[in-house]
Amino acid sequence: ESEAHKMEAKSRGFESECMGLKREVEALRSQVAELTEANARSQTETHSLRDKAHTLETENLSILSEKAGLMREIDFLKKSVETNAEATMNLQAELTTTRQQTVHLRSEHSSM
């Protein structure tokens, strides 16, 4: 009978150990499920951030292209301003010459 008690006690010990292992397995399964879910969220966020980065790169290229176009336009307009300033000075000189000629012609006409 002593042997039967020992076997029964061993059996209960195994059952208890088995229940403990089952609880541990369930806890680990729960952790795996949580980590899998967190990983999926991280992957989704990573894809979203990559998409945003790509969009920003595209926008930056567009802005740089627009900037280059504006710089060319500014250079063109600066040259136009310089050209117009020269033309204005030439016209003012011509106007001064014309006024002098007019004054001279009037004085010749009045002296006749």
PDB file of N, CA and C in Angstrom:
ATOM      1  N   GLU A   1       0.831  -1.206   0.000  1.00  0.00           N
ATOM      2  CA  GLU A   1       0.000   0.000   0.000  1.00  0.00           C
ATOM      3  C   GLU A   1       0.861   1.250   0.000  1.00  0.00           C
ATOM      4  N   SER A   2       1.952   1.190   0.604  1.00  0.00           N
ATOM      5  CA  SER A   2       2.859   2.313   0.657  1.00  0.00           C
ATOM      6  C   SER A   2       3.316   2.690  -0.754  1.00  0.00           C
ATOM      7  N   GLU A   3       3.540   1.643  -1.538  1.00  0.00           N
ATOM      8  CA  GLU A   3       3.954   1.875  -2.921  1.00  0.00           C
ATOM      9  C   GLU A   3       2.834   2.565  -3.688  1.00  0.00           C
ATOM     10  N   ALA A   4       1.588   2.197  -3.461  1.00  0.00           N
ATOM     11  CA  ALA A   4       0.440   2.808  -4.130  1.00  0.00           C
ATOM     12  C   ALA A   4       0.323   4.266  -3.746  1.00  0.00           C
ATOM     13  N   HIS A   5       0.562   4.580  -2.469  1.00  0.00           N
ATOM     14  CA  HIS A   5       0.515   5.988  -2.024  1.00  0.00           C
ATOM     15  C   HIS A   5       1.603   6.802  -2.701  1.00  0.00           C
ATOM     16  N   LYS A   6       2.770   6.180  -2.820  1.00  0.00           N
ATOM     17  CA  LYS A   6       3.873   6.887  -3.483  1.00  0.00           C
ATOM     18  C   LYS A   6       3.529   7.173  -4.941  1.00  0.00           C
ATOM     19  N   MET A   7       2.954   6.180  -5.604  1.00  0.00           N
ATOM     20  CA  MET A   7       2.582   6.344  -7.009  1.00  0.00           C
ATOM     21  C   MET A   7       1.484   7.392  -7.161  1.00  0.00           C
ATOM     22  N   GLU A   8       0.516   7.376  -6.238  1.00  0.00           N
ATOM     23  CA  GLU A   8      -0.575   8.360  -6.282  1.00  0.00           C
ATOM     24  C   GLU A   8      -0.027   9.760  -6.045  1.00  0.00           C
ATOM     25  N   ALA A   9       0.895   9.889  -5.106  1.00  0.00           N
ATOM     26  CA  ALA A   9       1.505  11.195  -4.812  1.00  0.00           C
ATOM     27  C   ALA A   9       2.312  11.664  -6.023  1.00  0.00           C
ATOM     28  N   LYS A  10       3.024  10.741  -6.649  1.00  0.00           N
ATOM     29  CA  LYS A  10       3.782  11.085  -7.844  1.00  0.00           C
ATOM     30  C   LYS A  10       2.842  11.548  -8.946  1.00  0.00           C
ATOM     31  N   SER A  11       1.756  10.812  -9.089  1.00  0.00           N
ATOM     32  CA  SER A  11       0.767  11.134 -10.114  1.00  0.00           C
ATOM     33  C   SER A  11       0.199  12.534  -9.893  1.00  0.00           C
ATOM     34  N   ARG A  12      -0.151  12.856  -8.637  1.00  0.00           N
ATOM     35  CA  ARG A  12      -0.676  14.204  -8.325  1.00  0.00           C
ATOM     36  C   ARG A  12       0.396  15.259  -8.599  1.00  0.00           C
ATOM     37  N   GLY A  13       1.641  14.938  -8.291  1.00  0.00           N
ATOM     38  CA  GLY A  13       2.742  15.866  -8.572  1.00  0.00           C
ATOM     39  C   GLY A  13       2.866  16.130 -10.061  1.00  0.00           C
ATOM     40  N   PHE A  14       2.741  15.052 -10.853  1.00  0.00           N
ATOM     41  CA  PHE A  14       2.806  15.212 -12.302  1.00  0.00           C
ATOM     42  C   PHE A  14       1.636  16.039 -12.823  1.00  0.00           C
ATOM     43  N   GLU A  15       0.435  15.741 -12.266  1.00  0.00           N
ATOM     44  CA  GLU A  15      -0.752  16.500 -12.671  1.00  0.00           C
ATOM     45  C   GLU A  15      -0.580  17.974 -12.340  1.00  0.00           C
ATOM     46  N   SER A  16      -0.086  18.260 -11.155  1.00  0.00           N
ATOM     47  CA  SER A  16       0.129  19.647 -10.726  1.00  0.00           C
ATOM     48  C   SER A  16       1.166  20.321 -11.628  1.00  0.00           C
ATOM     49  N   GLU A  17       2.244  19.575 -11.901  1.00  0.00           N
ATOM     50  CA  GLU A  17       3.291  20.120 -12.778  1.00  0.00           C
ATOM     51  C   GLU A  17       2.739  20.368 -14.176  1.00  0.00           C
ATOM     52  N   CYS A  18       1.914  19.416 -14.627  1.00  0.00           N
ATOM     53  CA  CYS A  18       1.303  19.539 -15.953  1.00  0.00           C
ATOM     54  C   CYS A  18       0.389  20.757 -16.014  1.00  0.00           C
ATOM     55  N   MET A  19      -0.406  20.987 -14.973  1.00  0.00           N
ATOM     56  CA  MET A  19      -1.292  22.163 -14.927  1.00  0.00           C
ATOM     57  C   MET A  19      -0.465  23.455 -14.947  1.00  0.00           C
ATOM     58  N   GLY A  20       0.623  23.463 -14.197  1.00  0.00           N
ATOM     59  CA  GLY A  20       1.506  24.629 -14.193  1.00  0.00           C
ATOM     60  C   GLY A  20       2.088  24.890 -15.576  1.00  0.00           C
ATOM     61  N   LEU A  21       2.503  23.809 -16.251  1.00  0.00           N
ATOM     62  CA  LEU A  21       3.046  23.951 -17.607  1.00  0.00           C
ATOM     63  C   LEU A  21       1.978  24.440 -18.577  1.00  0.00           C
ATOM     64  N   LYS A  22       0.738  23.956 -18.413  1.00  0.00           N
ATOM     65  CA  LYS A  22      -0.359  24.409 -19.272  1.00  0.00           C
ATOM     66  C   LYS A  22      -0.606  25.915 -19.082  1.00  0.00           C
ATOM     67  N   ARG A  23      -0.575  26.379 -17.810  1.00  0.00           N
ATOM     68  CA  ARG A  23      -0.761  27.813 -17.545  1.00  0.00           C
ATOM     69  C   ARG A  23       0.377  28.620 -18.184  1.00  0.00           C
ATOM     70  N   GLU A  24       1.593  28.085 -18.078  1.00  0.00           N
ATOM     71  CA  GLU A  24       2.750  28.772 -18.663  1.00  0.00           C
ATOM     72  C   GLU A  24       2.628  28.839 -20.190  1.00  0.00           C
ATOM     73  N   VAL A  25       2.177  27.717 -20.782  1.00  0.00           N
ATOM     74  CA  VAL A  25       1.972  27.687 -22.232  1.00  0.00           C
ATOM     75  C   VAL A  25       0.933  28.730 -22.633  1.00  0.00           C
ATOM     76  N   GLU A  26      -0.181  28.823 -21.898  1.00  0.00           N
ATOM     77  CA  GLU A  26      -1.221  29.803 -22.209  1.00  0.00           C
ATOM     78  C   GLU A  26      -0.687  31.237 -22.085  1.00  0.00           C
ATOM     79  N   ALA A  27       0.093  31.469 -21.031  1.00  0.00           N
ATOM     80  CA  ALA A  27       0.679  32.808 -20.845  1.00  0.00           C
ATOM     81  C   ALA A  27       1.613  33.148 -22.010  1.00  0.00           C
ATOM     82  N   LEU A  28       2.416  32.167 -22.414  1.00  0.00           N
ATOM     83  CA  LEU A  28       3.337  32.398 -23.536  1.00  0.00           C
ATOM     84  C   LEU A  28       2.576  32.599 -24.845  1.00  0.00           C
ATOM     85  N   ARG A  29       1.503  31.841 -25.053  1.00  0.00           N
ATOM     86  CA  ARG A  29       0.675  32.031 -26.246  1.00  0.00           C
ATOM     87  C   ARG A  29       0.085  33.432 -26.275  1.00  0.00           C
ATOM     88  N   SER A  30      -0.362  33.896 -25.117  1.00  0.00           N
ATOM     89  CA  SER A  30      -0.919  35.248 -25.014  1.00  0.00           C
ATOM     90  C   SER A  30       0.141  36.290 -25.361  1.00  0.00           C
ATOM     91  N   GLN A  31       1.357  36.098 -24.839  1.00  0.00           N
ATOM     92  CA  GLN A  31       2.444  37.023 -25.145  1.00  0.00           C
ATOM     93  C   GLN A  31       2.775  37.015 -26.635  1.00  0.00           C
ATOM     94  N   VAL A  32       2.810  35.820 -27.223  1.00  0.00           N
ATOM     95  CA  VAL A  32       3.091  35.709 -28.654  1.00  0.00           C
ATOM     96  C   VAL A  32       2.020  36.453 -29.455  1.00  0.00           C
ATOM     97  N   ALA A  33       0.749  36.288 -29.069  1.00  0.00           N
ATOM     98  CA  ALA A  33      -0.344  36.971 -29.771  1.00  0.00           C
ATOM     99  C   ALA A  33      -0.189  38.492 -29.658  1.00  0.00           C
ATOM    100  N   GLU A  34       0.130  38.984 -28.462  1.00  0.00           N
ATOM    101  CA  GLU A  34       0.324  40.423 -28.265  1.00  0.00           C
ATOM    102  C   GLU A  34       1.489  40.941 -29.094  1.00  0.00           C
ATOM    103  N   LEU A  35       2.597  40.187 -29.083  1.00  0.00           N
ATOM    104  CA  LEU A  35       3.773  40.616 -29.854  1.00  0.00           C
ATOM    105  C   LEU A  35       3.505  40.568 -31.354  1.00  0.00           C
ATOM    106  N   THR A  36       2.758  39.580 -31.795  1.00  0.00           N
ATOM    107  CA  THR A  36       2.408  39.487 -33.215  1.00  0.00           C
ATOM    108  C   THR A  36       1.565  40.691 -33.628  1.00  0.00           C
ATOM    109  N   GLU A  37       0.606  41.032 -32.771  1.00  0.00           N
ATOM    110  CA  GLU A  37      -0.245  42.197 -33.048  1.00  0.00           C
ATOM    111  C   GLU A  37       0.583  43.484 -33.056  1.00  0.00           C
ATOM    112  N   ALA A  38       1.478  43.642 -32.079  1.00  0.00           N
ATOM    113  CA  ALA A  38       2.332  44.829 -32.011  1.00  0.00           C
ATOM    114  C   ALA A  38       3.241  44.905 -33.238  1.00  0.00           C
ATOM    115  N   ASN A  39       3.739  43.763 -33.664  1.00  0.00           N
ATOM    116  CA  ASN A  39       4.594  43.714 -34.853  1.00  0.00           C
ATOM    117  C   ASN A  39       3.822  44.139 -36.095  1.00  0.00           C
ATOM    118  N   ALA A  40       2.593  43.669 -36.217  1.00  0.00           N
ATOM    119  CA  ALA A  40       1.756  44.042 -37.366  1.00  0.00           C
ATOM    120  C   ALA A  40       1.515  45.553 -37.372  1.00  0.00           C
ATOM    121  N   ARG A  41       1.239  46.121 -36.184  1.00  0.00           N
ATOM    122  CA  ARG A  41       1.038  47.578 -36.096  1.00  0.00           C
ATOM    123  C   ARG A  41       2.310  48.318 -36.493  1.00  0.00           C
ATOM    124  N   SER A  42       3.456  47.822 -36.034  1.00  0.00           N
ATOM    125  CA  SER A  42       4.740  48.452 -36.367  1.00  0.00           C
ATOM    126  C   SER A  42       5.004  48.396 -37.872  1.00  0.00           C
ATOM    127  N   GLN A  43       4.696  47.259 -38.471  1.00  0.00           N
ATOM    128  CA  GLN A  43       4.895  47.138 -39.920  1.00  0.00           C
ATOM    129  C   GLN A  43       3.998  48.104 -40.673  1.00  0.00           C
ATOM    130  N   THR A  44       2.746  48.224 -40.226  1.00  0.00           N
ATOM    131  CA  THR A  44       1.818  49.156 -40.867  1.00  0.00           C
ATOM    132  C   THR A  44       2.333  50.583 -40.733  1.00  0.00           C
ATOM    133  N   GLU A  45       2.795  50.930 -39.538  1.00  0.00           N
ATOM    134  CA  GLU A  45       3.323  52.282 -39.307  1.00  0.00           C
ATOM    135  C   GLU A  45       4.577  52.522 -40.153  1.00  0.00           C
ATOM    136  N   THR A  46       5.421  51.503 -40.241  1.00  0.00           N
ATOM    137  CA  THR A  46       6.641  51.621 -41.053  1.00  0.00           C
ATOM    138  C   THR A  46       6.290  51.872 -42.513  1.00  0.00           C
ATOM    139  N   HIS A  47       5.337  51.116 -43.043  1.00  0.00           N
ATOM    140  CA  HIS A  47       4.912  51.322 -44.432  1.00  0.00           C
ATOM    141  C   HIS A  47       4.352  52.728 -44.608  1.00  0.00           C
ATOM    142  N   SER A  48       3.559  53.166 -43.657  1.00  0.00           N
ATOM    143  CA  SER A  48       2.973  54.504 -43.722  1.00  0.00           C
ATOM    144  C   SER A  48       4.069  55.567 -43.722  1.00  0.00           C
ATOM    145  N   LEU A  49       5.059  55.398 -42.851  1.00  0.00           N
ATOM    146  CA  LEU A  49       6.154  56.370 -42.789  1.00  0.00           C
ATOM    147  C   LEU A  49       6.984  56.356 -44.072  1.00  0.00           C
ATOM    148  N   ARG A  50       7.187  55.181 -44.636  1.00  0.00           N
ATOM    149  CA  ARG A  50       7.918  55.097 -45.915  1.00  0.00           C
ATOM    150  C   ARG A  50       7.150  55.818 -47.010  1.00  0.00           C
ATOM    151  N   ASP A  51       5.833  55.628 -47.034  1.00  0.00           N
ATOM    152  CA  ASP A  51       5.005  56.322 -48.023  1.00  0.00           C
ATOM    153  C   ASP A  51       5.102  57.833 -47.842  1.00  0.00           C
ATOM    154  N   LYS A  52       5.037  58.289 -46.583  1.00  0.00           N
ATOM    155  CA  LYS A  52       5.146  59.729 -46.313  1.00  0.00           C
ATOM    156  C   LYS A  52       6.509  60.258 -46.740  1.00  0.00           C
ATOM    157  N   ALA A  53       7.567  59.494 -46.454  1.00  0.00           N
ATOM    158  CA  ALA A  53       8.918  59.912 -46.835  1.00  0.00           C
ATOM    159  C   ALA A  53       9.027  60.023 -48.354  1.00  0.00           C
ATOM    160  N   HIS A  54       8.452  59.066 -49.058  1.00  0.00           N
ATOM    161  CA  HIS A  54       8.477  59.095 -50.525  1.00  0.00           C
ATOM    162  C   HIS A  54       7.719  60.322 -51.044  1.00  0.00           C
ATOM    163  N   THR A  55       6.560  60.586 -50.438  1.00  0.00           N
ATOM    164  CA  THR A  55       5.768  61.759 -50.833  1.00  0.00           C
ATOM    165  C   THR A  55       6.568  63.041 -50.602  1.00  0.00           C
ATOM    166  N   LEU A  56       7.238  63.122 -49.450  1.00  0.00           N
ATOM    167  CA  LEU A  56       8.037  64.318 -49.146  1.00  0.00           C
ATOM    168  C   LEU A  56       9.213  64.465 -50.105  1.00  0.00           C
ATOM    169  N   GLU A  57       9.849  63.355 -50.459  1.00  0.00           N
ATOM    170  CA  GLU A  57      10.941  63.415 -51.430  1.00  0.00           C
ATOM    171  C   GLU A  57      10.436  63.948 -52.768  1.00  0.00           C
ATOM    172  N   THR A  58       9.281  63.455 -53.189  1.00  0.00           N
ATOM    173  CA  THR A  58       8.695  63.907 -54.446  1.00  0.00           C
ATOM    174  C   THR A  58       8.374  65.396 -54.371  1.00  0.00           C
ATOM    175  N   GLU A  59       7.774  65.826 -53.248  1.00  0.00           N
ATOM    176  CA  GLU A  59       7.462  67.248 -53.070  1.00  0.00           C
ATOM    177  C   GLU A  59       8.736  68.086 -53.069  1.00  0.00           C
ATOM    178  N   ASN A  60       9.800  67.600 -52.407  1.00  0.00           N
ATOM    179  CA  ASN A  60      11.065  68.335 -52.372  1.00  0.00           C
ATOM    180  C   ASN A  60      11.648  68.501 -53.769  1.00  0.00           C
ATOM    181  N   LEU A  61      11.594  67.431 -54.566  1.00  0.00           N
ATOM    182  CA  LEU A  61      12.096  67.522 -55.937  1.00  0.00           C
ATOM    183  C   LEU A  61      11.293  68.546 -56.736  1.00  0.00           C
ATOM    184  N   SER A  62       9.997  68.541 -56.536  1.00  0.00           N
ATOM    185  CA  SER A  62       9.125  69.491 -57.226  1.00  0.00           C
ATOM    186  C   SER A  62       9.463  70.929 -56.811  1.00  0.00           C
ATOM    187  N   ILE A  63       9.671  71.126 -55.503  1.00  0.00           N
ATOM    188  CA  ILE A  63      10.008  72.458 -54.991  1.00  0.00           C
ATOM    189  C   ILE A  63      11.361  72.911 -55.533  1.00  0.00           C
ATOM    190  N   LEU A  64      12.336  71.991 -55.559  1.00  0.00           N
ATOM    191  CA  LEU A  64      13.660  72.342 -56.095  1.00  0.00           C
ATOM    192  C   LEU A  64      13.569  72.715 -57.567  1.00  0.00           C
ATOM    193  N   SER A  65      12.755  71.988 -58.305  1.00  0.00           N
ATOM    194  CA  SER A  65      12.563  72.298 -59.722  1.00  0.00           C
ATOM    195  C   SER A  65      11.913  73.670 -59.882  1.00  0.00           C
ATOM    196  N   GLU A  66      10.892  73.923 -59.073  1.00  0.00           N
ATOM    197  CA  GLU A  66      10.214  75.228 -59.122  1.00  0.00           C
ATOM    198  C   GLU A  66      11.184  76.348 -58.742  1.00  0.00           C
ATOM    199  N   LYS A  67      12.013  76.092 -57.736  1.00  0.00           N
ATOM    200  CA  LYS A  67      13.002  77.086 -57.300  1.00  0.00           C
ATOM    201  C   LYS A  67      13.963  77.408 -58.444  1.00  0.00           C
ATOM    202  N   ALA A  68      14.430  76.361 -59.120  1.00  0.00           N
ATOM    203  CA  ALA A  68      15.356  76.568 -60.240  1.00  0.00           C
ATOM    204  C   ALA A  68      14.699  77.419 -61.329  1.00  0.00           C
ATOM    205  N   GLY A  69      13.431  77.119 -61.613  1.00  0.00           N
ATOM    206  CA  GLY A  69      12.703  77.915 -62.606  1.00  0.00           C
ATOM    207  C   GLY A  69      12.574  79.368 -62.171  1.00  0.00           C
ATOM    208  N   LEU A  70      12.279  79.590 -60.899  1.00  0.00           N
ATOM    209  CA  LEU A  70      12.153  80.958 -60.386  1.00  0.00           C
ATOM    210  C   LEU A  70      13.489  81.694 -60.428  1.00  0.00           C
ATOM    211  N   MET A  71      14.569  80.978 -60.130  1.00  0.00           N
ATOM    212  CA  MET A  71      15.896  81.607 -60.197  1.00  0.00           C
ATOM    213  C   MET A  71      16.220  82.028 -61.630  1.00  0.00           C
ATOM    214  N   ARG A  72      15.877  81.178 -62.587  1.00  0.00           N
ATOM    215  CA  ARG A  72      16.098  81.546 -64.001  1.00  0.00           C
ATOM    216  C   ARG A  72      15.260  82.764 -64.368  1.00  0.00           C
ATOM    217  N   GLU A  73      14.017  82.780 -63.901  1.00  0.00           N
ATOM    218  CA  GLU A  73      13.145  83.920 -64.198  1.00  0.00           C
ATOM    219  C   GLU A  73      13.685  85.198 -63.558  1.00  0.00           C
ATOM    220  N   ILE A  74      14.192  85.087 -62.320  1.00  0.00           N
ATOM    221  CA  ILE A  74      14.779  86.256 -61.644  1.00  0.00           C
ATOM    222  C   ILE A  74      15.972  86.777 -62.438  1.00  0.00           C
ATOM    223  N   ASP A  75      16.843  85.872 -62.896  1.00  0.00           N
ATOM    224  CA  ASP A  75      17.996  86.292 -63.704  1.00  0.00           C
ATOM    225  C   ASP A  75      17.537  87.005 -64.966  1.00  0.00           C
ATOM    226  N   PHE A  76      16.534  86.433 -65.632  1.00  0.00           N
ATOM    227  CA  PHE A  76      16.005  87.051 -66.851  1.00  0.00           C
ATOM    228  C   PHE A  76      15.458  88.455 -66.558  1.00  0.00           C
ATOM    229  N   LEU A  77      14.685  88.545 -65.454  1.00  0.00           N
ATOM    230  CA  LEU A  77      14.095  89.845 -65.114  1.00  0.00           C
ATOM    231  C   LEU A  77      15.164  90.864 -64.720  1.00  0.00           C
ATOM    232  N   LYS A  78      16.205  90.432 -64.033  1.00  0.00           N
ATOM    233  CA  LYS A  78      17.308  91.341 -63.684  1.00  0.00           C
ATOM    234  C   LYS A  78      17.969  91.877 -64.948  1.00  0.00           C
ATOM    235  N   LYS A  79      18.207  90.979 -65.914  1.00  0.00           N
ATOM    236  CA  LYS A  79      18.796  91.410 -67.181  1.00  0.00           C
ATOM    237  C   LYS A  79      17.865  92.377 -67.905  1.00  0.00           C
ATOM    238  N   SER A  80      16.569  92.099 -67.837  1.00  0.00           N
ATOM    239  CA  SER A  80      15.591  92.991 -68.477  1.00  0.00           C
ATOM    240  C   SER A  80      15.615  94.360 -67.817  1.00  0.00           C
ATOM    241  N   VAL A  81      15.729  94.379 -66.490  1.00  0.00           N
ATOM    242  CA  VAL A  81      15.796  95.657 -65.765  1.00  0.00           C
ATOM    243  C   VAL A  81      17.041  96.426 -66.202  1.00  0.00           C
ATOM    244  N   GLU A  82      18.178  95.725 -66.291  1.00  0.00           N
ATOM    245  CA  GLU A  82      19.410  96.374 -66.724  1.00  0.00           C
ATOM    246  C   GLU A  82      19.261  96.928 -68.140  1.00  0.00           C
ATOM    247  N   THR A  83      18.691  96.113 -69.026  1.00  0.00           N
ATOM    248  CA  THR A  83      18.490  96.539 -70.413  1.00  0.00           C
ATOM    249  C   THR A  83      17.568  97.758 -70.466  1.00  0.00           C
ATOM    250  N   ASN A  84      16.481  97.702 -69.679  1.00  0.00           N
ATOM    251  CA  ASN A  84      15.540  98.826 -69.665  1.00  0.00           C
ATOM    252  C   ASN A  84      16.176 100.071 -69.066  1.00  0.00           C
ATOM    253  N   ALA A  85      17.044  99.900 -68.060  1.00  0.00           N
ATOM    254  CA  ALA A  85      17.724 101.048 -67.462  1.00  0.00           C
ATOM    255  C   ALA A  85      18.645 101.694 -68.488  1.00  0.00           C
ATOM    256  N   GLU A  86      19.371 100.864 -69.238  1.00  0.00           N
ATOM    257  CA  GLU A  86      20.240 101.400 -70.293  1.00  0.00           C
ATOM    258  C   GLU A  86      19.418 102.119 -71.355  1.00  0.00           C
ATOM    259  N   ALA A  87      18.316 101.496 -71.758  1.00  0.00           N
ATOM    260  CA  ALA A  87      17.457 102.107 -72.777  1.00  0.00           C
ATOM    261  C   ALA A  87      16.894 103.426 -72.266  1.00  0.00           C
ATOM    262  N   THR A  88      16.519 103.474 -70.990  1.00  0.00           N
ATOM    263  CA  THR A  88      15.989 104.714 -70.402  1.00  0.00           C
ATOM    264  C   THR A  88      17.051 105.805 -70.410  1.00  0.00           C
ATOM    265  N   MET A  89      18.272 105.443 -70.032  1.00  0.00           N
ATOM    266  CA  MET A  89      19.358 106.437 -70.048  1.00  0.00           C
ATOM    267  C   MET A  89      19.602 106.941 -71.466  1.00  0.00           C
ATOM    268  N   ASN A  90      19.599 106.040 -72.439  1.00  0.00           N
ATOM    269  CA  ASN A  90      19.790 106.438 -73.843  1.00  0.00           C
ATOM    270  C   ASN A  90      18.665 107.371 -74.298  1.00  0.00           C
ATOM    271  N   LEU A  91      17.426 107.020 -73.908  1.00  0.00           N
ATOM    272  CA  LEU A  91      16.288 107.872 -74.293  1.00  0.00           C
ATOM    273  C   LEU A  91      16.369 109.234 -73.622  1.00  0.00           C
ATOM    274  N   GLN A  92      16.806 109.260 -72.355  1.00  0.00           N
ATOM    275  CA  GLN A  92      16.948 110.545 -71.661  1.00  0.00           C
ATOM    276  C   GLN A  92      18.020 111.396 -72.342  1.00  0.00           C
ATOM    277  N   ALA A  93      19.121 110.745 -72.738  1.00  0.00           N
ATOM    278  CA  ALA A  93      20.184 111.483 -73.443  1.00  0.00           C
ATOM    279  C   ALA A  93      19.659 112.006 -74.774  1.00  0.00           C
ATOM    280  N   GLU A  94      18.904 111.154 -75.455  1.00  0.00           N
ATOM    281  CA  GLU A  94      18.331 111.566 -76.742  1.00  0.00           C
ATOM    282  C   GLU A  94      17.338 112.703 -76.543  1.00  0.00           C
ATOM    283  N   LEU A  95      16.541 112.602 -75.461  1.00  0.00           N
ATOM    284  CA  LEU A  95      15.574 113.663 -75.155  1.00  0.00           C
ATOM    285  C   LEU A  95      16.302 114.976 -74.871  1.00  0.00           C
ATOM    286  N   THR A  96      17.378 114.908 -74.120  1.00  0.00           N
ATOM    287  CA  THR A  96      18.162 116.108 -73.811  1.00  0.00           C
ATOM    288  C   THR A  96      18.714 116.715 -75.095  1.00  0.00           C
ATOM    289  N   THR A  97      19.239 115.856 -75.974  1.00  0.00           N
ATOM    290  CA  THR A  97      19.763 116.328 -77.264  1.00  0.00           C
ATOM    291  C   THR A  97      18.647 116.977 -78.080  1.00  0.00           C
ATOM    292  N   THR A  98      17.487 116.331 -78.112  1.00  0.00           N
ATOM    293  CA  THR A  98      16.350 116.862 -78.875  1.00  0.00           C
ATOM    294  C   THR A  98      15.913 118.211 -78.314  1.00  0.00           C
ATOM    295  N   ARG A  99      15.883 118.328 -76.983  1.00  0.00           N
ATOM    296  CA  ARG A  99      15.498 119.609 -76.360  1.00  0.00           C
ATOM    297  C   ARG A  99      16.515 120.698 -76.728  1.00  0.00           C
ATOM    298  N   GLN A 100      17.776 120.325 -76.686  1.00  0.00           N
ATOM    299  CA  GLN A 100      18.814 121.312 -77.040  1.00  0.00           C
ATOM    300  C   GLN A 100      18.664 121.747 -78.496  1.00  0.00           C
ATOM    301  N   GLN A 101      18.380 120.769 -79.365  1.00  0.00           N
ATOM    302  CA  GLN A 101      18.194 121.099 -80.785  1.00  0.00           C
ATOM    303  C   GLN A 101      16.962 121.986 -80.965  1.00  0.00           C
ATOM    304  N   THR A 102      15.906 121.686 -80.198  1.00  0.00           N
ATOM    305  CA  THR A 102      14.678 122.486 -80.293  1.00  0.00           C
ATOM    306  C   THR A 102      14.958 123.917 -79.851  1.00  0.00           C
ATOM    307  N   VAL A 103      15.661 124.053 -78.737  1.00  0.00           N
ATOM    308  CA  VAL A 103      15.997 125.400 -78.256  1.00  0.00           C
ATOM    309  C   VAL A 103      16.841 126.130 -79.300  1.00  0.00           C
ATOM    310  N   HIS A 104      17.782 125.429 -79.868  1.00  0.00           N
ATOM    311  CA  HIS A 104      18.656 126.027 -80.886  1.00  0.00           C
ATOM    312  C   HIS A 104      17.854 126.447 -82.119  1.00  0.00           C
ATOM    313  N   LEU A 105      16.931 125.536 -82.566  1.00  0.00           N
ATOM    314  CA  LEU A 105      16.119 125.858 -83.749  1.00  0.00           C
ATOM    315  C   LEU A 105      15.182 127.031 -83.465  1.00  0.00           C
ATOM    316  N   ARG A 106      14.633 127.118 -82.259  1.00  0.00           N
ATOM    317  CA  ARG A 106      13.750 128.236 -81.912  1.00  0.00           C
ATOM    318  C   ARG A 106      14.535 129.552 -81.939  1.00  0.00           C
ATOM    319  N   SER A 107      15.738 129.472 -81.379  1.00  0.00           N
ATOM    320  CA  SER A 107      16.513 130.713 -81.372  1.00  0.00           C
ATOM    321  C   SER A 107      16.901 131.125 -82.769  1.00  0.00           C
ATOM    322  N   GLU A 108      17.181 130.159 -83.635  1.00  0.00           N
ATOM    323  CA  GLU A 108      17.483 130.499 -85.042  1.00  0.00           C
ATOM    324  C   GLU A 108      16.234 131.068 -85.726  1.00  0.00           C
ATOM    325  N   HIS A 109      15.096 130.439 -85.411  1.00  0.00           N
ATOM    326  CA  HIS A 109      13.847 130.878 -86.047  1.00  0.00           C
ATOM    327  C   HIS A 109      13.474 132.286 -85.574  1.00  0.00           C
ATOM    328  N   SER A 110      13.649 132.557 -84.323  1.00  0.00           N
ATOM    329  CA  SER A 110      13.268 133.876 -83.798  1.00  0.00           C
ATOM    330  C   SER A 110      14.251 134.950 -84.275  1.00  0.00           C
ATOM    331  N   SER A 111      15.475 134.561 -84.560  1.00  0.00           N
ATOM    332  CA  SER A 111      16.429 135.560 -85.034  1.00  0.00           C
ATOM    333  C   SER A 111      16.229 135.855 -86.513  1.00  0.00           C
ATOM    334  N   MET A 112      15.457 135.075 -87.217  1.00  0.00           N
ATOM    335  CA  MET A 112      15.225 135.333 -88.637  1.00  0.00           C
ATOM    336  C   MET A 112      14.311 136.467 -88.814  1.00  0.00           C
TER     337      MET A 112
END
